[in-house]
Amino acid sequence: MFEKKKKVKPYDKENLKPVLKCSICTGEQVAGFKEIRSGKFHDVMLVRGEKDLQEFKEMYGLDEVPKEY
């Protein structure tokens, strides 16, 4: 079978940085983007495991996503 080629979604690299926001209490992880100037976080998806994190990386063409607590 043929695999669908995934398109990489663009994001504003000058004003946003990819971040994996992690809760110390619950362990919940949310992938999204943080505004560099204001620090405001924009969530994209809930990360329940490595598969979800990999999907987020592929969606935006990322190699690494730093964690923030």
PDB file of N, CA and C in Angstrom:
ATOM      1  N   MET A   1       0.832  -1.192   0.000  1.00  0.00           N
ATOM      2  CA  MET A   1       0.000   0.000   0.000  1.00  0.00           C
ATOM      3  C   MET A   1       0.872   1.250   0.000  1.00  0.00           C
ATOM      4  N   PHE A   2       0.286   2.307  -0.427  1.00  0.00           N
ATOM      5  CA  PHE A   2       0.991   3.583  -0.454  1.00  0.00           C
ATOM      6  C   PHE A   2       0.784   4.333   0.844  1.00  0.00           C
ATOM      7  N   GLU A   3       1.859   4.942   1.332  1.00  0.00           N
ATOM      8  CA  GLU A   3       1.750   5.754   2.526  1.00  0.00           C
ATOM      9  C   GLU A   3       1.502   7.191   2.119  1.00  0.00           C
ATOM     10  N   LYS A   4       0.648   7.863   2.864  1.00  0.00           N
ATOM     11  CA  LYS A   4       0.378   9.266   2.604  1.00  0.00           C
ATOM     12  C   LYS A   4       1.600  10.077   2.986  1.00  0.00           C
ATOM     13  N   LYS A   5       1.980  10.987   2.122  1.00  0.00           N
ATOM     14  CA  LYS A   5       3.091  11.869   2.435  1.00  0.00           C
ATOM     15  C   LYS A   5       2.560  12.993   3.323  1.00  0.00           C
ATOM     16  N   LYS A   6       3.162  13.158   4.483  1.00  0.00           N
ATOM     17  CA  LYS A   6       2.684  14.164   5.422  1.00  0.00           C
ATOM     18  C   LYS A   6       3.268  15.524   5.071  1.00  0.00           C
ATOM     19  N   LYS A   7       2.408  16.521   5.068  1.00  0.00           N
ATOM     20  CA  LYS A   7       2.853  17.882   4.806  1.00  0.00           C
ATOM     21  C   LYS A   7       3.335  18.505   6.108  1.00  0.00           C
ATOM     22  N   VAL A   8       4.409  19.257   6.027  1.00  0.00           N
ATOM     23  CA  VAL A   8       4.941  19.954   7.188  1.00  0.00           C
ATOM     24  C   VAL A   8       4.228  21.294   7.290  1.00  0.00           C
ATOM     25  N   LYS A   9       3.631  21.542   8.446  1.00  0.00           N
ATOM     26  CA  LYS A   9       2.911  22.794   8.671  1.00  0.00           C
ATOM     27  C   LYS A   9       3.908  23.888   9.040  1.00  0.00           C
ATOM     28  N   PRO A  10       3.765  25.066   8.450  1.00  0.00           N
ATOM     29  CA  PRO A  10       4.677  26.163   8.803  1.00  0.00           C
ATOM     30  C   PRO A  10       4.263  26.828  10.120  1.00  0.00           C
ATOM     31  N   TYR A  11       5.231  27.414  10.791  1.00  0.00           N
ATOM     32  CA  TYR A  11       4.955  28.230  11.972  1.00  0.00           C
ATOM     33  C   TYR A  11       5.928  29.393  11.983  1.00  0.00           C
ATOM     34  N   ASP A  12       5.628  30.433  12.713  1.00  0.00           N
ATOM     35  CA  ASP A  12       6.433  31.656  12.752  1.00  0.00           C
ATOM     36  C   ASP A  12       7.695  31.417  13.584  1.00  0.00           C
ATOM     37  N   LYS A  13       8.775  31.073  12.917  1.00  0.00           N
ATOM     38  CA  LYS A  13      10.022  30.717  13.619  1.00  0.00           C
ATOM     39  C   LYS A  13      10.685  31.907  14.296  1.00  0.00           C
ATOM     40  N   GLU A  14      10.369  33.118  13.853  1.00  0.00           N
ATOM     41  CA  GLU A  14      10.956  34.311  14.469  1.00  0.00           C
ATOM     42  C   GLU A  14      10.301  34.647  15.804  1.00  0.00           C
ATOM     43  N   ASN A  15       9.013  34.355  15.932  1.00  0.00           N
ATOM     44  CA  ASN A  15       8.280  34.752  17.131  1.00  0.00           C
ATOM     45  C   ASN A  15       7.835  33.593  18.014  1.00  0.00           C
ATOM     46  N   LEU A  16       7.887  32.366  17.510  1.00  0.00           N
ATOM     47  CA  LEU A  16       7.427  31.209  18.277  1.00  0.00           C
ATOM     48  C   LEU A  16       8.513  30.151  18.385  1.00  0.00           C
ATOM     49  N   LYS A  17       8.550  29.483  19.544  1.00  0.00           N
ATOM     50  CA  LYS A  17       9.470  28.346  19.676  1.00  0.00           C
ATOM     51  C   LYS A  17       8.677  27.134  20.137  1.00  0.00           C
ATOM     52  N   PRO A  18       8.973  25.956  19.594  1.00  0.00           N
ATOM     53  CA  PRO A  18       8.262  24.746  20.003  1.00  0.00           C
ATOM     54  C   PRO A  18       8.651  24.345  21.421  1.00  0.00           C
ATOM     55  N   VAL A  19       7.649  23.932  22.200  1.00  0.00           N
ATOM     56  CA  VAL A  19       7.865  23.582  23.611  1.00  0.00           C
ATOM     57  C   VAL A  19       6.958  22.423  23.982  1.00  0.00           C
ATOM     58  N   LEU A  20       7.461  21.546  24.850  1.00  0.00           N
ATOM     59  CA  LEU A  20       6.661  20.487  25.445  1.00  0.00           C
ATOM     60  C   LEU A  20       6.432  20.898  26.891  1.00  0.00           C
ATOM     61  N   LYS A  21       5.212  21.350  27.188  1.00  0.00           N
ATOM     62  CA  LYS A  21       4.897  21.841  28.528  1.00  0.00           C
ATOM     63  C   LYS A  21       4.483  20.653  29.397  1.00  0.00           C
ATOM     64  N   CYS A  22       5.199  20.442  30.515  1.00  0.00           N
ATOM     65  CA  CYS A  22       4.982  19.280  31.378  1.00  0.00           C
ATOM     66  C   CYS A  22       4.537  19.726  32.769  1.00  0.00           C
ATOM     67  N   SER A  23       3.551  19.016  33.307  1.00  0.00           N
ATOM     68  CA  SER A  23       3.081  19.278  34.655  1.00  0.00           C
ATOM     69  C   SER A  23       3.882  18.415  35.631  1.00  0.00           C
ATOM     70  N   ILE A  24       4.410  19.043  36.661  1.00  0.00           N
ATOM     71  CA  ILE A  24       5.176  18.303  37.666  1.00  0.00           C
ATOM     72  C   ILE A  24       4.241  17.395  38.475  1.00  0.00           C
ATOM     73  N   CYS A  25       3.041  17.874  38.764  1.00  0.00           N
ATOM     74  CA  CYS A  25       2.100  17.130  39.613  1.00  0.00           C
ATOM     75  C   CYS A  25       1.480  15.931  38.905  1.00  0.00           C
ATOM     76  N   THR A  26       0.905  16.163  37.738  1.00  0.00           N
ATOM     77  CA  THR A  26       0.134  15.114  37.066  1.00  0.00           C
ATOM     78  C   THR A  26       0.916  14.369  35.996  1.00  0.00           C
ATOM     79  N   GLY A  27       2.009  14.946  35.534  1.00  0.00           N
ATOM     80  CA  GLY A  27       2.784  14.319  34.467  1.00  0.00           C
ATOM     81  C   GLY A  27       2.203  14.568  33.088  1.00  0.00           C
ATOM     82  N   GLU A  28       1.137  15.362  33.013  1.00  0.00           N
ATOM     83  CA  GLU A  28       0.515  15.677  31.723  1.00  0.00           C
ATOM     84  C   GLU A  28       1.483  16.489  30.861  1.00  0.00           C
ATOM     85  N   GLN A  29       1.525  16.171  29.573  1.00  0.00           N
ATOM     86  CA  GLN A  29       2.400  16.871  28.643  1.00  0.00           C
ATOM     87  C   GLN A  29       1.571  17.418  27.490  1.00  0.00           C
ATOM     88  N   VAL A  30       1.831  18.686  27.148  1.00  0.00           N
ATOM     89  CA  VAL A  30       1.139  19.337  26.047  1.00  0.00           C
ATOM     90  C   VAL A  30       2.186  19.944  25.121  1.00  0.00           C
ATOM     91  N   ALA A  31       2.093  19.607  23.843  1.00  0.00           N
ATOM     92  CA  ALA A  31       3.005  20.164  22.851  1.00  0.00           C
ATOM     93  C   ALA A  31       2.371  21.407  22.254  1.00  0.00           C
ATOM     94  N   GLY A  32       3.194  22.411  22.033  1.00  0.00           N
ATOM     95  CA  GLY A  32       2.686  23.643  21.455  1.00  0.00           C
ATOM     96  C   GLY A  32       3.817  24.622  21.184  1.00  0.00           C
ATOM     97  N   PHE A  33       3.451  25.885  21.086  1.00  0.00           N
ATOM     98  CA  PHE A  33       4.429  26.923  20.780  1.00  0.00           C
ATOM     99  C   PHE A  33       4.329  28.042  21.802  1.00  0.00           C
ATOM    100  N   LYS A  34       5.494  28.578  22.176  1.00  0.00           N
ATOM    101  CA  LYS A  34       5.575  29.664  23.145  1.00  0.00           C
ATOM    102  C   LYS A  34       6.052  30.913  22.417  1.00  0.00           C
ATOM    103  N   GLU A  35       5.361  32.021  22.647  1.00  0.00           N
ATOM    104  CA  GLU A  35       5.778  33.286  22.059  1.00  0.00           C
ATOM    105  C   GLU A  35       7.074  33.716  22.736  1.00  0.00           C
ATOM    106  N   ILE A  36       8.067  34.049  21.936  1.00  0.00           N
ATOM    107  CA  ILE A  36       9.385  34.386  22.469  1.00  0.00           C
ATOM    108  C   ILE A  36       9.333  35.674  23.292  1.00  0.00           C
ATOM    109  N   ARG A  37       8.611  36.674  22.810  1.00  0.00           N
ATOM    110  CA  ARG A  37       8.588  37.966  23.494  1.00  0.00           C
ATOM    111  C   ARG A  37       7.700  37.974  24.742  1.00  0.00           C
ATOM    112  N   SER A  38       6.488  37.459  24.631  1.00  0.00           N
ATOM    113  CA  SER A  38       5.535  37.560  25.743  1.00  0.00           C
ATOM    114  C   SER A  38       5.535  36.340  26.664  1.00  0.00           C
ATOM    115  N   GLY A  39       5.978  35.176  26.153  1.00  0.00           N
ATOM    116  CA  GLY A  39       5.968  33.960  26.954  1.00  0.00           C
ATOM    117  C   GLY A  39       4.634  33.240  26.938  1.00  0.00           C
ATOM    118  N   LYS A  40       3.683  33.751  26.163  1.00  0.00           N
ATOM    119  CA  LYS A  40       2.360  33.124  26.085  1.00  0.00           C
ATOM    120  C   LYS A  40       2.460  31.796  25.355  1.00  0.00           C
ATOM    121  N   PHE A  41       1.784  30.772  25.900  1.00  0.00           N
ATOM    122  CA  PHE A  41       1.837  29.420  25.340  1.00  0.00           C
ATOM    123  C   PHE A  41       0.576  29.129  24.535  1.00  0.00           C
ATOM    124  N   HIS A  42       0.743  28.569  23.343  1.00  0.00           N
ATOM    125  CA  HIS A  42      -0.363  28.162  22.487  1.00  0.00           C
ATOM    126  C   HIS A  42      -0.297  26.645  22.330  1.00  0.00           C
ATOM    127  N   ASP A  43      -1.257  25.927  22.925  1.00  0.00           N
ATOM    128  CA  ASP A  43      -1.201  24.466  22.867  1.00  0.00           C
ATOM    129  C   ASP A  43      -1.718  23.956  21.520  1.00  0.00           C
ATOM    130  N   VAL A  44      -1.093  22.868  21.057  1.00  0.00           N
ATOM    131  CA  VAL A  44      -1.456  22.256  19.784  1.00  0.00           C
ATOM    132  C   VAL A  44      -2.077  20.885  20.023  1.00  0.00           C
ATOM    133  N   MET A  45      -1.434  20.072  20.868  1.00  0.00           N
ATOM    134  CA  MET A  45      -1.959  18.730  21.108  1.00  0.00           C
ATOM    135  C   MET A  45      -1.467  18.156  22.430  1.00  0.00           C
ATOM    136  N   LEU A  46      -2.267  17.257  22.985  1.00  0.00           N
ATOM    137  CA  LEU A  46      -1.916  16.525  24.196  1.00  0.00           C
ATOM    138  C   LEU A  46      -0.969  15.393  23.812  1.00  0.00           C
ATOM    139  N   VAL A  47       0.092  15.232  24.582  1.00  0.00           N
ATOM    140  CA  VAL A  47       1.068  14.179  24.314  1.00  0.00           C
ATOM    141  C   VAL A  47       0.909  13.096  25.374  1.00  0.00           C
ATOM    142  N   ARG A  48       0.439  11.926  24.940  1.00  0.00           N
ATOM    143  CA  ARG A  48       0.227  10.807  25.879  1.00  0.00           C
ATOM    144  C   ARG A  48       1.374   9.812  25.854  1.00  0.00           C
ATOM    145  N   GLY A  49       2.229   9.919  24.850  1.00  0.00           N
ATOM    146  CA  GLY A  49       3.352   8.991  24.742  1.00  0.00           C
ATOM    147  C   GLY A  49       4.304   9.415  23.647  1.00  0.00           C
ATOM    148  N   GLU A  50       5.301   8.577  23.416  1.00  0.00           N
ATOM    149  CA  GLU A  50       6.331   8.867  22.424  1.00  0.00           C
ATOM    150  C   GLU A  50       5.744   8.990  21.013  1.00  0.00           C
ATOM    151  N   LYS A  51       4.710   8.206  20.736  1.00  0.00           N
ATOM    152  CA  LYS A  51       4.074   8.249  19.410  1.00  0.00           C
ATOM    153  C   LYS A  51       3.470   9.631  19.131  1.00  0.00           C
ATOM    154  N   ASP A  52       2.791  10.210  20.131  1.00  0.00           N
ATOM    155  CA  ASP A  52       2.201  11.539  19.979  1.00  0.00           C
ATOM    156  C   ASP A  52       3.280  12.607  19.798  1.00  0.00           C
ATOM    157  N   LEU A  53       4.367  12.486  20.561  1.00  0.00           N
ATOM    158  CA  LEU A  53       5.461  13.444  20.448  1.00  0.00           C
ATOM    159  C   LEU A  53       6.088  13.370  19.059  1.00  0.00           C
ATOM    160  N   GLN A  54       6.280  12.159  18.558  1.00  0.00           N
ATOM    161  CA  GLN A  54       6.846  11.967  17.223  1.00  0.00           C
ATOM    162  C   GLN A  54       5.928  12.572  16.155  1.00  0.00           C
ATOM    163  N   GLU A  55       4.629  12.412  16.342  1.00  0.00           N
ATOM    164  CA  GLU A  55       3.649  12.977  15.402  1.00  0.00           C
ATOM    165  C   GLU A  55       3.745  14.504  15.377  1.00  0.00           C
ATOM    166  N   PHE A  56       3.892  15.129  16.555  1.00  0.00           N
ATOM    167  CA  PHE A  56       4.034  16.583  16.643  1.00  0.00           C
ATOM    168  C   PHE A  56       5.302  17.043  15.925  1.00  0.00           C
ATOM    169  N   LYS A  57       6.408  16.334  16.155  1.00  0.00           N
ATOM    170  CA  LYS A  57       7.674  16.675  15.499  1.00  0.00           C
ATOM    171  C   LYS A  57       7.563  16.588  13.985  1.00  0.00           C
ATOM    172  N   GLU A  58       6.927  15.520  13.494  1.00  0.00           N
ATOM    173  CA  GLU A  58       6.760  15.339  12.057  1.00  0.00           C
ATOM    174  C   GLU A  58       5.822  16.386  11.468  1.00  0.00           C
ATOM    175  N   MET A  59       4.800  16.754  12.234  1.00  0.00           N
ATOM    176  CA  MET A  59       3.808  17.717  11.769  1.00  0.00           C
ATOM    177  C   MET A  59       4.445  19.075  11.452  1.00  0.00           C
ATOM    178  N   TYR A  60       5.438  19.472  12.249  1.00  0.00           N
ATOM    179  CA  TYR A  60       6.078  20.775  12.085  1.00  0.00           C
ATOM    180  C   TYR A  60       7.531  20.689  11.638  1.00  0.00           C
ATOM    181  N   GLY A  61       8.026  19.496  11.308  1.00  0.00           N
ATOM    182  CA  GLY A  61       9.395  19.335  10.824  1.00  0.00           C
ATOM    183  C   GLY A  61      10.443  19.653  11.871  1.00  0.00           C
ATOM    184  N   LEU A  62      10.237  19.181  13.091  1.00  0.00           N
ATOM    185  CA  LEU A  62      11.146  19.479  14.207  1.00  0.00           C
ATOM    186  C   LEU A  62      12.033  18.283  14.527  1.00  0.00           C
ATOM    187  N   ASP A  63      13.251  18.580  15.009  1.00  0.00           N
ATOM    188  CA  ASP A  63      14.159  17.523  15.465  1.00  0.00           C
ATOM    189  C   ASP A  63      14.010  17.294  16.964  1.00  0.00           C
ATOM    190  N   GLU A  64      13.973  18.405  17.712  1.00  0.00           N
ATOM    191  CA  GLU A  64      13.868  18.319  19.167  1.00  0.00           C
ATOM    192  C   GLU A  64      12.820  19.306  19.668  1.00  0.00           C
ATOM    193  N   VAL A  65      12.196  18.949  20.790  1.00  0.00           N
ATOM    194  CA  VAL A  65      11.241  19.838  21.449  1.00  0.00           C
ATOM    195  C   VAL A  65      11.636  19.886  22.915  1.00  0.00           C
ATOM    196  N   PRO A  66      12.142  21.045  23.371  1.00  0.00           N
ATOM    197  CA  PRO A  66      12.560  21.144  24.775  1.00  0.00           C
ATOM    198  C   PRO A  66      11.367  21.106  25.728  1.00  0.00           C
ATOM    199  N   LYS A  67      11.602  20.557  26.936  1.00  0.00           N
ATOM    200  CA  LYS A  67      10.550  20.467  27.952  1.00  0.00           C
ATOM    201  C   LYS A  67      10.609  21.694  28.848  1.00  0.00           C
ATOM    202  N   GLU A  68       9.430  22.155  29.262  1.00  0.00           N
ATOM    203  CA  GLU A  68       9.318  23.238  30.249  1.00  0.00           C
ATOM    204  C   GLU A  68       8.370  22.775  31.333  1.00  0.00           C
ATOM    205  N   TYR A  69       8.721  23.087  32.579  1.00  0.00           N
ATOM    206  CA  TYR A  69       7.879  22.676  33.708  1.00  0.00           C
ATOM    207  C   TYR A  69       7.198  23.874  34.328  1.00  0.00           C
TER     208      TYR A  69
END
